[in-house]
């Protein structure tokens, strides 16, 4: 099952205070960017984020899963506390590289 546009719009709305937010559809699922860094992979109406040490304290006890077959294990982001979601994504953003420029 692919993500619904309503779910993607909801994620983008929640993250909008962090800056420029955009989504990119990829094979039925989506990548969500904040200020040009890829922060969320959305599959089957579920938001996956990289498991990095910098967000471990914020993600204590969070569910984990795989966005797609062959993917690395990721945290599953719970949007119940939107302020916490923005804190998690902001911390994650600070520790992720910008995508490499295509030549």
C-alpha atoms as a PDB file:
ATOM      1  CA  UNK A   1       0.000   0.000   0.000  1.00  0.00           C
ATOM      2  CA  UNK A   2       1.406   3.394  -0.956  1.00  0.00           C
ATOM      3  CA  UNK A   3       1.241   6.546   1.147  1.00  0.00           C
ATOM      4  CA  UNK A   4      -1.793   8.757   0.824  1.00  0.00           C
ATOM      5  CA  UNK A   5      -1.350  12.375  -0.200  1.00  0.00           C
ATOM      6  CA  UNK A   6      -3.225  13.377   2.984  1.00  0.00           C
ATOM      7  CA  UNK A   7      -0.564  11.669   5.111  1.00  0.00           C
ATOM      8  CA  UNK A   8       2.285  13.350   3.224  1.00  0.00           C
ATOM      9  CA  UNK A   9       0.588  16.752   3.478  1.00  0.00           C
ATOM     10  CA  UNK A  10       0.118  16.190   7.229  1.00  0.00           C
ATOM     11  CA  UNK A  11       3.836  15.420   7.707  1.00  0.00           C
ATOM     12  CA  UNK A  12       4.823  18.488   5.686  1.00  0.00           C
ATOM     13  CA  UNK A  13       2.465  20.687   7.720  1.00  0.00           C
ATOM     14  CA  UNK A  14       3.868  19.421  11.036  1.00  0.00           C
ATOM     15  CA  UNK A  15       7.446  20.063   9.867  1.00  0.00           C
ATOM     16  CA  UNK A  16       6.773  23.447   8.215  1.00  0.00           C
ATOM     17  CA  UNK A  17       8.000  25.515  11.233  1.00  0.00           C
ATOM     18  CA  UNK A  18      11.474  24.020  10.622  1.00  0.00           C
ATOM     19  CA  UNK A  19      11.904  25.670   7.226  1.00  0.00           C
ATOM     20  CA  UNK A  20      11.340  24.680   3.622  1.00  0.00           C
ATOM     21  CA  UNK A  21       9.640  21.284   3.486  1.00  0.00           C
ATOM     22  CA  UNK A  22       9.060  19.315   0.306  1.00  0.00           C
ATOM     23  CA  UNK A  23       8.214  15.767  -0.652  1.00  0.00           C
ATOM     24  CA  UNK A  24       9.320  13.652  -3.573  1.00  0.00           C
ATOM     25  CA  UNK A  25       7.365  10.638  -4.741  1.00  0.00           C
ATOM     26  CA  UNK A  26       9.424   7.534  -5.350  1.00  0.00           C
ATOM     27  CA  UNK A  27       7.735   4.316  -6.514  1.00  0.00           C
ATOM     28  CA  UNK A  28       4.525   4.960  -4.572  1.00  0.00           C
ATOM     29  CA  UNK A  29       6.281   6.098  -1.424  1.00  0.00           C
ATOM     30  CA  UNK A  30       7.849   9.431  -0.501  1.00  0.00           C
ATOM     31  CA  UNK A  31      10.996  11.119   0.699  1.00  0.00           C
ATOM     32  CA  UNK A  32      10.465  14.208   2.874  1.00  0.00           C
ATOM     33  CA  UNK A  33      13.090  16.949   2.789  1.00  0.00           C
ATOM     34  CA  UNK A  34      13.589  19.784   5.261  1.00  0.00           C
ATOM     35  CA  UNK A  35      15.855  22.559   4.026  1.00  0.00           C
ATOM     36  CA  UNK A  36      17.137  20.220   1.291  1.00  0.00           C
ATOM     37  CA  UNK A  37      18.143  17.365   3.616  1.00  0.00           C
ATOM     38  CA  UNK A  38      16.334  14.036   3.418  1.00  0.00           C
ATOM     39  CA  UNK A  39      14.870  13.453   6.887  1.00  0.00           C
ATOM     40  CA  UNK A  40      11.961  11.019   6.440  1.00  0.00           C
ATOM     41  CA  UNK A  41      11.178   8.052   4.248  1.00  0.00           C
ATOM     42  CA  UNK A  42       7.410   7.592   4.213  1.00  0.00           C
ATOM     43  CA  UNK A  43       6.069   4.174   3.229  1.00  0.00           C
ATOM     44  CA  UNK A  44       2.593   2.731   3.798  1.00  0.00           C
ATOM     45  CA  UNK A  45       1.559   5.842   5.782  1.00  0.00           C
ATOM     46  CA  UNK A  46       4.418   5.343   8.208  1.00  0.00           C
ATOM     47  CA  UNK A  47       7.349   7.757   8.726  1.00  0.00           C
ATOM     48  CA  UNK A  48      10.803   6.196   9.037  1.00  0.00           C
ATOM     49  CA  UNK A  49      13.898   8.078  10.212  1.00  0.00           C
ATOM     50  CA  UNK A  50      17.525   7.003  10.433  1.00  0.00           C
ATOM     51  CA  UNK A  51      18.710   5.417  13.663  1.00  0.00           C
ATOM     52  CA  UNK A  52      21.454   7.817  14.691  1.00  0.00           C
ATOM     53  CA  UNK A  53      23.015   8.109  18.153  1.00  0.00           C
ATOM     54  CA  UNK A  54      22.150  11.818  18.315  1.00  0.00           C
ATOM     55  CA  UNK A  55      18.423  11.054  18.545  1.00  0.00           C
ATOM     56  CA  UNK A  56      18.576   7.908  20.714  1.00  0.00           C
ATOM     57  CA  UNK A  57      17.656   9.850  23.887  1.00  0.00           C
ATOM     58  CA  UNK A  58      14.624  11.363  22.138  1.00  0.00           C
ATOM     59  CA  UNK A  59      13.509   8.060  20.614  1.00  0.00           C
ATOM     60  CA  UNK A  60      13.732   5.915  23.754  1.00  0.00           C
ATOM     61  CA  UNK A  61      11.326   3.012  23.422  1.00  0.00           C
ATOM     62  CA  UNK A  62      10.258   3.992  19.906  1.00  0.00           C
ATOM     63  CA  UNK A  63       9.087   1.329  17.521  1.00  0.00           C
ATOM     64  CA  UNK A  64      11.501   0.336  14.758  1.00  0.00           C
ATOM     65  CA  UNK A  65      11.006  -1.211  11.366  1.00  0.00           C
ATOM     66  CA  UNK A  66      12.099  -1.369   7.756  1.00  0.00           C
ATOM     67  CA  UNK A  67      10.773   1.098   5.192  1.00  0.00           C
ATOM     68  CA  UNK A  68      11.170  -1.433   2.380  1.00  0.00           C
ATOM     69  CA  UNK A  69      12.837  -4.742   1.694  1.00  0.00           C
ATOM     70  CA  UNK A  70      16.590  -4.369   1.937  1.00  0.00           C
ATOM     71  CA  UNK A  71      16.443  -1.121   3.940  1.00  0.00           C
ATOM     72  CA  UNK A  72      18.324  -0.573   7.178  1.00  0.00           C
ATOM     73  CA  UNK A  73      16.364  -0.682  10.414  1.00  0.00           C
ATOM     74  CA  UNK A  74      14.865   2.737  11.166  1.00  0.00           C
ATOM     75  CA  UNK A  75      12.917   4.430  13.904  1.00  0.00           C
ATOM     76  CA  UNK A  76       9.209   4.847  13.243  1.00  0.00           C
ATOM     77  CA  UNK A  77       8.178   8.404  14.029  1.00  0.00           C
ATOM     78  CA  UNK A  78       5.029   8.874  16.141  1.00  0.00           C
ATOM     79  CA  UNK A  79       3.286  12.174  15.364  1.00  0.00           C
ATOM     80  CA  UNK A  80       1.191  12.289  18.552  1.00  0.00           C
ATOM     81  CA  UNK A  81       3.485  14.935  20.113  1.00  0.00           C
ATOM     82  CA  UNK A  82       4.198  17.300  17.214  1.00  0.00           C
ATOM     83  CA  UNK A  83       6.544  19.504  19.238  1.00  0.00           C
ATOM     84  CA  UNK A  84       8.688  16.449  20.014  1.00  0.00           C
ATOM     85  CA  UNK A  85       8.603  15.408  16.343  1.00  0.00           C
ATOM     86  CA  UNK A  86      10.011  18.808  15.355  1.00  0.00           C
ATOM     87  CA  UNK A  87      12.716  18.503  18.040  1.00  0.00           C
ATOM     88  CA  UNK A  88      13.675  15.044  16.756  1.00  0.00           C
ATOM     89  CA  UNK A  89      13.777  16.158  13.123  1.00  0.00           C
ATOM     90  CA  UNK A  90      15.724  19.309  14.015  1.00  0.00           C
ATOM     91  CA  UNK A  91      18.335  17.240  15.886  1.00  0.00           C
ATOM     92  CA  UNK A  92      18.471  14.725  13.070  1.00  0.00           C
ATOM     93  CA  UNK A  93      18.816  17.520  10.497  1.00  0.00           C
ATOM     94  CA  UNK A  94      21.819  18.948  12.384  1.00  0.00           C
ATOM     95  CA  UNK A  95      23.579  15.584  12.067  1.00  0.00           C
ATOM     96  CA  UNK A  96      22.768  14.661   8.460  1.00  0.00           C
ATOM     97  CA  UNK A  97      24.837  15.689   5.447  1.00  0.00           C
ATOM     98  CA  UNK A  98      23.425  17.578   2.496  1.00  0.00           C
ATOM     99  CA  UNK A  99      22.880  15.342  -0.539  1.00  0.00           C
ATOM    100  CA  UNK A 100      25.828  15.160  -2.906  1.00  0.00           C
ATOM    101  CA  UNK A 101      25.506  17.326  -6.016  1.00  0.00           C
ATOM    102  CA  UNK A 102      24.988  15.406  -9.235  1.00  0.00           C
ATOM    103  CA  UNK A 103      27.579  16.171 -11.866  1.00  0.00           C
END
